[in-house]
Amino acid sequence: ERVEGEPHAHTFWVRCEVASLKLRGAGS
């Protein structure tokens, strides 16, 4: 979903989606 921080210290924000169960989870 987005990447924050300097190139040497990135923080990744990711979404996991299970469409069949209508579930979503976020992680960094």
PDB file of all heavy atoms in Angstrom:
ATOM      1  N   GLU A   1       0.813  -1.212   0.000  1.00  0.00           N
ATOM      2  CA  GLU A   1       0.000   0.000   0.000  1.00  0.00           C
ATOM      3  C   GLU A   1       0.849   1.266   0.000  1.00  0.00           C
ATOM      4  O   GLU A   1       0.489   2.265  -0.604  1.00  0.00           O
ATOM      5  CB  GLU A   1      -0.941  -0.014   1.198  1.00  0.00           C
ATOM      6  CG  GLU A   1      -1.945  -1.177   1.143  1.00  0.00           C
ATOM      7  CD  GLU A   1      -3.038  -1.032   2.174  1.00  0.00           C
ATOM      8  OE1 GLU A   1      -2.712  -0.755   3.354  1.00  0.00           O
ATOM      9  OE2 GLU A   1      -4.223  -1.202   1.818  1.00  0.00           O
ATOM     10  N   ARG A   2       1.967   1.219   0.700  1.00  0.00           N
ATOM     11  CA  ARG A   2       2.878   2.367   0.675  1.00  0.00           C
ATOM     12  C   ARG A   2       4.235   1.957   1.256  1.00  0.00           C
ATOM     13  O   ARG A   2       4.349   0.949   1.939  1.00  0.00           O
ATOM     14  CB  ARG A   2       2.307   3.548   1.455  1.00  0.00           C
ATOM     15  CG  ARG A   2       2.165   3.332   2.953  1.00  0.00           C
ATOM     16  CD  ARG A   2       1.502   4.544   3.601  1.00  0.00           C
ATOM     17  NE  ARG A   2       1.500   4.490   5.045  1.00  0.00           N
ATOM     18  CZ  ARG A   2       0.610   3.847   5.783  1.00  0.00           C
ATOM     19  NH1 ARG A   2      -0.377   3.178   5.187  1.00  0.00           N
ATOM     20  NH2 ARG A   2       0.686   3.856   7.104  1.00  0.00           N
ATOM     21  N   VAL A   3       5.235   2.754   0.930  1.00  0.00           N
ATOM     22  CA  VAL A   3       6.588   2.563   1.456  1.00  0.00           C
ATOM     23  C   VAL A   3       7.037   3.889   2.032  1.00  0.00           C
ATOM     24  O   VAL A   3       6.962   4.930   1.367  1.00  0.00           O
ATOM     25  CB  VAL A   3       7.573   2.102   0.351  1.00  0.00           C
ATOM     26  CG1 VAL A   3       8.963   1.909   0.940  1.00  0.00           C
ATOM     27  CG2 VAL A   3       7.084   0.820  -0.302  1.00  0.00           C
ATOM     28  N   GLU A   4       7.503   3.878   3.266  1.00  0.00           N
ATOM     29  CA  GLU A   4       7.915   5.101   3.944  1.00  0.00           C
ATOM     30  C   GLU A   4       9.388   5.037   4.323  1.00  0.00           C
ATOM     31  O   GLU A   4       9.970   3.959   4.426  1.00  0.00           O
ATOM     32  CB  GLU A   4       7.064   5.324   5.202  1.00  0.00           C
ATOM     33  CG  GLU A   4       5.576   5.483   4.924  1.00  0.00           C
ATOM     34  CD  GLU A   4       4.774   5.641   6.204  1.00  0.00           C
ATOM     35  OE1 GLU A   4       5.313   5.348   7.285  1.00  0.00           O
ATOM     36  OE2 GLU A   4       3.588   6.040   6.116  1.00  0.00           O
ATOM     37  N   GLY A   5       9.975   6.206   4.532  1.00  0.00           N
ATOM     38  CA  GLY A   5      11.333   6.265   5.039  1.00  0.00           C
ATOM     39  C   GLY A   5      12.385   6.387   3.962  1.00  0.00           C
ATOM     40  O   GLY A   5      12.105   6.319   2.765  1.00  0.00           O
ATOM     41  N   GLU A   6      13.626   6.568   4.407  1.00  0.00           N
ATOM     42  CA  GLU A   6      14.769   6.678   3.511  1.00  0.00           C
ATOM     43  C   GLU A   6      15.061   5.328   2.863  1.00  0.00           C
ATOM     44  O   GLU A   6      14.685   4.281   3.399  1.00  0.00           O
ATOM     45  CB  GLU A   6      15.997   7.165   4.289  1.00  0.00           C
ATOM     46  CG  GLU A   6      15.832   8.533   4.925  1.00  0.00           C
ATOM     47  CD  GLU A   6      15.636   9.627   3.890  1.00  0.00           C
ATOM     48  OE1 GLU A   6      16.255   9.531   2.819  1.00  0.00           O
ATOM     49  OE2 GLU A   6      14.855  10.570   4.156  1.00  0.00           O
ATOM     50  N   PRO A   7      15.774   5.343   1.721  1.00  0.00           N
ATOM     51  CA  PRO A   7      16.064   4.079   1.017  1.00  0.00           C
ATOM     52  C   PRO A   7      16.751   3.026   1.885  1.00  0.00           C
ATOM     53  O   PRO A   7      16.523   1.840   1.716  1.00  0.00           O
ATOM     54  CB  PRO A   7      16.967   4.534  -0.133  1.00  0.00           C
ATOM     55  CG  PRO A   7      16.557   5.941  -0.390  1.00  0.00           C
ATOM     56  CD  PRO A   7      16.224   6.522   0.952  1.00  0.00           C
ATOM     57  N   HIS A   8      17.583   3.475   2.818  1.00  0.00           N
ATOM     58  CA  HIS A   8      18.299   2.517   3.669  1.00  0.00           C
ATOM     59  C   HIS A   8      17.489   2.115   4.908  1.00  0.00           C
ATOM     60  O   HIS A   8      17.937   1.280   5.696  1.00  0.00           O
ATOM     61  CB  HIS A   8      19.641   3.114   4.112  1.00  0.00           C
ATOM     62  CG  HIS A   8      19.500   4.320   4.996  1.00  0.00           C
ATOM     63  ND1 HIS A   8      19.226   5.571   4.485  1.00  0.00           N
ATOM     64  CD2 HIS A   8      19.564   4.472   6.345  1.00  0.00           C
ATOM     65  CE1 HIS A   8      19.146   6.443   5.482  1.00  0.00           C
ATOM     66  NE2 HIS A   8      19.343   5.797   6.622  1.00  0.00           N
ATOM     67  N   ALA A   9      16.328   2.719   5.075  1.00  0.00           N
ATOM     68  CA  ALA A   9      15.512   2.421   6.265  1.00  0.00           C
ATOM     69  C   ALA A   9      14.033   2.437   5.899  1.00  0.00           C
ATOM     70  O   ALA A   9      13.219   3.119   6.523  1.00  0.00           O
ATOM     71  CB  ALA A   9      15.813   3.420   7.375  1.00  0.00           C
ATOM     72  N   HIS A  10      13.670   1.688   4.884  1.00  0.00           N
ATOM     73  CA  HIS A  10      12.280   1.645   4.437  1.00  0.00           C
ATOM     74  C   HIS A  10      11.380   0.949   5.455  1.00  0.00           C
ATOM     75  O   HIS A  10      11.803   0.030   6.171  1.00  0.00           O
ATOM     76  CB  HIS A  10      12.180   0.879   3.113  1.00  0.00           C
ATOM     77  CG  HIS A  10      12.480   1.726   1.923  1.00  0.00           C
ATOM     78  ND1 HIS A  10      12.899   1.207   0.709  1.00  0.00           N
ATOM     79  CD2 HIS A  10      12.405   3.073   1.729  1.00  0.00           C
ATOM     80  CE1 HIS A  10      13.079   2.189  -0.152  1.00  0.00           C
ATOM     81  NE2 HIS A  10      12.786   3.323   0.443  1.00  0.00           N
ATOM     82  N   THR A  11      10.124   1.382   5.469  1.00  0.00           N
ATOM     83  CA  THR A  11       9.060   0.653   6.152  1.00  0.00           C
ATOM     84  C   THR A  11       7.993   0.349   5.115  1.00  0.00           C
ATOM     85  O   THR A  11       7.472   1.270   4.462  1.00  0.00           O
ATOM     86  CB  THR A  11       8.453   1.471   7.300  1.00  0.00           C
ATOM     87  OG1 THR A  11       9.446   1.712   8.292  1.00  0.00           O
ATOM     88  CG2 THR A  11       7.284   0.711   7.937  1.00  0.00           C
ATOM     89  N   PHE A  12       7.697  -0.926   4.947  1.00  0.00           N
ATOM     90  CA  PHE A  12       6.702  -1.368   3.980  1.00  0.00           C
ATOM     91  C   PHE A  12       5.368  -1.580   4.684  1.00  0.00           C
ATOM     92  O   PHE A  12       5.330  -2.163   5.774  1.00  0.00           O
ATOM     93  CB  PHE A  12       7.131  -2.679   3.311  1.00  0.00           C
ATOM     94  CG  PHE A  12       8.338  -2.559   2.427  1.00  0.00           C
ATOM     95  CD1 PHE A  12       9.616  -2.587   2.961  1.00  0.00           C
ATOM     96  CD2 PHE A  12       8.203  -2.418   1.048  1.00  0.00           C
ATOM     97  CE1 PHE A  12      10.734  -2.473   2.154  1.00  0.00           C
ATOM     98  CE2 PHE A  12       9.309  -2.308   0.230  1.00  0.00           C
ATOM     99  CZ  PHE A  12      10.582  -2.340   0.780  1.00  0.00           C
ATOM    100  N   TRP A  13       4.306  -1.109   4.048  1.00  0.00           N
ATOM    101  CA  TRP A  13       2.946  -1.340   4.529  1.00  0.00           C
ATOM    102  C   TRP A  13       2.227  -2.200   3.509  1.00  0.00           C
ATOM    103  O   TRP A  13       2.112  -1.826   2.344  1.00  0.00           O
ATOM    104  CB  TRP A  13       2.212  -0.019   4.741  1.00  0.00           C
ATOM    105  CG  TRP A  13       2.830   0.807   5.829  1.00  0.00           C
ATOM    106  CD1 TRP A  13       3.898   1.651   5.714  1.00  0.00           C
ATOM    107  CD2 TRP A  13       2.425   0.862   7.194  1.00  0.00           C
ATOM    108  NE1 TRP A  13       4.202   2.226   6.920  1.00  0.00           N
ATOM    109  CE2 TRP A  13       3.305   1.767   7.859  1.00  0.00           C
ATOM    110  CE3 TRP A  13       1.413   0.246   7.935  1.00  0.00           C
ATOM    111  CZ2 TRP A  13       3.199   2.052   9.209  1.00  0.00           C
ATOM    112  CZ3 TRP A  13       1.299   0.534   9.283  1.00  0.00           C
ATOM    113  CH2 TRP A  13       2.185   1.419   9.905  1.00  0.00           C
ATOM    114  N   VAL A  14       1.764  -3.367   3.953  1.00  0.00           N
ATOM    115  CA  VAL A  14       1.220  -4.367   3.034  1.00  0.00           C
ATOM    116  C   VAL A  14      -0.183  -4.783   3.471  1.00  0.00           C
ATOM    117  O   VAL A  14      -0.478  -4.870   4.678  1.00  0.00           O
ATOM    118  CB  VAL A  14       2.147  -5.602   2.972  1.00  0.00           C
ATOM    119  CG1 VAL A  14       1.487  -6.759   2.229  1.00  0.00           C
ATOM    120  CG2 VAL A  14       3.470  -5.236   2.296  1.00  0.00           C
ATOM    121  N   ARG A  15      -1.038  -5.053   2.491  1.00  0.00           N
ATOM    122  CA  ARG A  15      -2.382  -5.571   2.756  1.00  0.00           C
ATOM    123  C   ARG A  15      -2.471  -7.011   2.282  1.00  0.00           C
ATOM    124  O   ARG A  15      -2.025  -7.342   1.181  1.00  0.00           O
ATOM    125  CB  ARG A  15      -3.426  -4.730   2.019  1.00  0.00           C
ATOM    126  CG  ARG A  15      -4.869  -5.205   2.247  1.00  0.00           C
ATOM    127  CD  ARG A  15      -5.860  -4.401   1.419  1.00  0.00           C
ATOM    128  NE  ARG A  15      -5.803  -4.760   0.003  1.00  0.00           N
ATOM    129  CZ  ARG A  15      -5.287  -4.005  -0.947  1.00  0.00           C
ATOM    130  NH1 ARG A  15      -4.746  -2.827  -0.661  1.00  0.00           N
ATOM    131  NH2 ARG A  15      -5.283  -4.396  -2.216  1.00  0.00           N
ATOM    132  N   CYS A  16      -3.020  -7.861   3.124  1.00  0.00           N
ATOM    133  CA  CYS A  16      -3.318  -9.250   2.754  1.00  0.00           C
ATOM    134  C   CYS A  16      -4.840  -9.371   2.674  1.00  0.00           C
ATOM    135  O   CYS A  16      -5.547  -8.986   3.606  1.00  0.00           O
ATOM    136  CB  CYS A  16      -2.765 -10.218   3.795  1.00  0.00           C
ATOM    137  SG  CYS A  16      -3.279 -11.931   3.543  1.00  0.00           S
ATOM    138  N   GLU A  17      -5.322  -9.908   1.567  1.00  0.00           N
ATOM    139  CA  GLU A  17      -6.773 -10.006   1.369  1.00  0.00           C
ATOM    140  C   GLU A  17      -7.158 -11.421   0.962  1.00  0.00           C
ATOM    141  O   GLU A  17      -6.535 -12.021   0.090  1.00  0.00           O
ATOM    142  CB  GLU A  17      -7.231  -9.022   0.294  1.00  0.00           C
ATOM    143  CG  GLU A  17      -8.737  -9.002   0.102  1.00  0.00           C
ATOM    144  CD  GLU A  17      -9.190  -7.886  -0.819  1.00  0.00           C
ATOM    145  OE1 GLU A  17      -8.320  -7.114  -1.303  1.00  0.00           O
ATOM    146  OE2 GLU A  17     -10.411  -7.773  -1.054  1.00  0.00           O
ATOM    147  N   VAL A  18      -8.173 -11.948   1.640  1.00  0.00           N
ATOM    148  CA  VAL A  18      -8.774 -13.231   1.262  1.00  0.00           C
ATOM    149  C   VAL A  18     -10.185 -12.918   0.794  1.00  0.00           C
ATOM    150  O   VAL A  18     -11.115 -12.792   1.603  1.00  0.00           O
ATOM    151  CB  VAL A  18      -8.794 -14.221   2.445  1.00  0.00           C
ATOM    152  CG1 VAL A  18      -9.401 -15.551   2.012  1.00  0.00           C
ATOM    153  CG2 VAL A  18      -7.384 -14.435   2.989  1.00  0.00           C
ATOM    154  N   ALA A  19     -10.340 -12.762  -0.510  1.00  0.00           N
ATOM    155  CA  ALA A  19     -11.610 -12.291  -1.061  1.00  0.00           C
ATOM    156  C   ALA A  19     -12.762 -13.234  -0.748  1.00  0.00           C
ATOM    157  O   ALA A  19     -13.882 -12.788  -0.457  1.00  0.00           O
ATOM    158  CB  ALA A  19     -11.465 -12.113  -2.576  1.00  0.00           C
ATOM    159  N   SER A  20     -12.504 -14.530  -0.787  1.00  0.00           N
ATOM    160  CA  SER A  20     -13.576 -15.505  -0.576  1.00  0.00           C
ATOM    161  C   SER A  20     -14.143 -15.458   0.831  1.00  0.00           C
ATOM    162  O   SER A  20     -15.294 -15.829   1.058  1.00  0.00           O
ATOM    163  CB  SER A  20     -13.066 -16.916  -0.887  1.00  0.00           C
ATOM    164  OG  SER A  20     -11.944 -17.216  -0.083  1.00  0.00           O
ATOM    165  N   LEU A  21     -13.346 -14.982   1.779  1.00  0.00           N
ATOM    166  CA  LEU A  21     -13.810 -14.876   3.163  1.00  0.00           C
ATOM    167  C   LEU A  21     -14.082 -13.432   3.571  1.00  0.00           C
ATOM    168  O   LEU A  21     -14.474 -13.177   4.718  1.00  0.00           O
ATOM    169  CB  LEU A  21     -12.758 -15.479   4.117  1.00  0.00           C
ATOM    170  CG  LEU A  21     -12.450 -16.962   3.950  1.00  0.00           C
ATOM    171  CD1 LEU A  21     -11.400 -17.406   4.960  1.00  0.00           C
ATOM    172  CD2 LEU A  21     -13.711 -17.807   4.104  1.00  0.00           C
ATOM    173  N   LYS A  22     -13.850 -12.502   2.647  1.00  0.00           N
ATOM    174  CA  LYS A  22     -14.041 -11.078   2.923  1.00  0.00           C
ATOM    175  C   LYS A  22     -13.226 -10.625   4.130  1.00  0.00           C
ATOM    176  O   LYS A  22     -13.707  -9.913   5.010  1.00  0.00           O
ATOM    177  CB  LYS A  22     -15.523 -10.765   3.128  1.00  0.00           C
ATOM    178  CG  LYS A  22     -16.395 -11.084   1.913  1.00  0.00           C
ATOM    179  CD  LYS A  22     -17.858 -10.752   2.162  1.00  0.00           C
ATOM    180  CE  LYS A  22     -18.707 -11.082   0.922  1.00  0.00           C
ATOM    181  NZ  LYS A  22     -20.140 -10.795   1.122  1.00  0.00           N
ATOM    182  N   LEU A  23     -11.971 -11.075   4.127  1.00  0.00           N
ATOM    183  CA  LEU A  23     -11.068 -10.735   5.228  1.00  0.00           C
ATOM    184  C   LEU A  23      -9.878  -9.947   4.699  1.00  0.00           C
ATOM    185  O   LEU A  23      -9.386 -10.201   3.597  1.00  0.00           O
ATOM    186  CB  LEU A  23     -10.564 -11.992   5.929  1.00  0.00           C
ATOM    187  CG  LEU A  23     -11.592 -12.846   6.662  1.00  0.00           C
ATOM    188  CD1 LEU A  23     -10.930 -14.086   7.225  1.00  0.00           C
ATOM    189  CD2 LEU A  23     -12.272 -12.047   7.761  1.00  0.00           C
ATOM    190  N   ARG A  24      -9.445  -8.994   5.501  1.00  0.00           N
ATOM    191  CA  ARG A  24      -8.253  -8.216   5.179  1.00  0.00           C
ATOM    192  C   ARG A  24      -7.393  -8.076   6.430  1.00  0.00           C
ATOM    193  O   ARG A  24      -7.916  -7.964   7.533  1.00  0.00           O
ATOM    194  CB  ARG A  24      -8.612  -6.818   4.667  1.00  0.00           C
ATOM    195  CG  ARG A  24      -9.183  -6.763   3.264  1.00  0.00           C
ATOM    196  CD  ARG A  24      -9.349  -5.323   2.838  1.00  0.00           C
ATOM    197  NE  ARG A  24      -9.852  -5.211   1.476  1.00  0.00           N
ATOM    198  CZ  ARG A  24      -9.996  -4.054   0.847  1.00  0.00           C
ATOM    199  NH1 ARG A  24      -9.677  -2.926   1.461  1.00  0.00           N
ATOM    200  NH2 ARG A  24     -10.455  -4.029  -0.392  1.00  0.00           N
ATOM    201  N   GLY A  25      -6.090  -8.057   6.211  1.00  0.00           N
ATOM    202  CA  GLY A  25      -5.170  -7.816   7.301  1.00  0.00           C
ATOM    203  C   GLY A  25      -4.053  -6.903   6.835  1.00  0.00           C
ATOM    204  O   GLY A  25      -3.631  -6.976   5.680  1.00  0.00           O
ATOM    205  N   ALA A  26      -3.592  -6.016   7.712  1.00  0.00           N
ATOM    206  CA  ALA A  26      -2.521  -5.085   7.364  1.00  0.00           C
ATOM    207  C   ALA A  26      -1.280  -5.407   8.186  1.00  0.00           C
ATOM    208  O   ALA A  26      -1.368  -5.860   9.333  1.00  0.00           O
ATOM    209  CB  ALA A  26      -2.960  -3.654   7.621  1.00  0.00           C
ATOM    210  N   GLY A  27      -0.134  -5.173   7.558  1.00  0.00           N
ATOM    211  CA  GLY A  27       1.111  -5.413   8.251  1.00  0.00           C
ATOM    212  C   GLY A  27       2.180  -4.434   7.810  1.00  0.00           C
ATOM    213  O   GLY A  27       2.089  -3.845   6.727  1.00  0.00           O
ATOM    214  N   SER A  28       3.187  -4.243   8.634  1.00  0.00           N
ATOM    215  CA  SER A  28       4.297  -3.361   8.289  1.00  0.00           C
ATOM    216  C   SER A  28       5.598  -4.015   8.718  1.00  0.00           C
ATOM    217  O   SER A  28       5.627  -4.872   9.592  1.00  0.00           O
ATOM    218  CB  SER A  28       4.140  -2.004   8.974  1.00  0.00           C
ATOM    219  OG  SER A  28       4.189  -2.154  10.381  1.00  0.00           O
TER     220      SER A  28
END
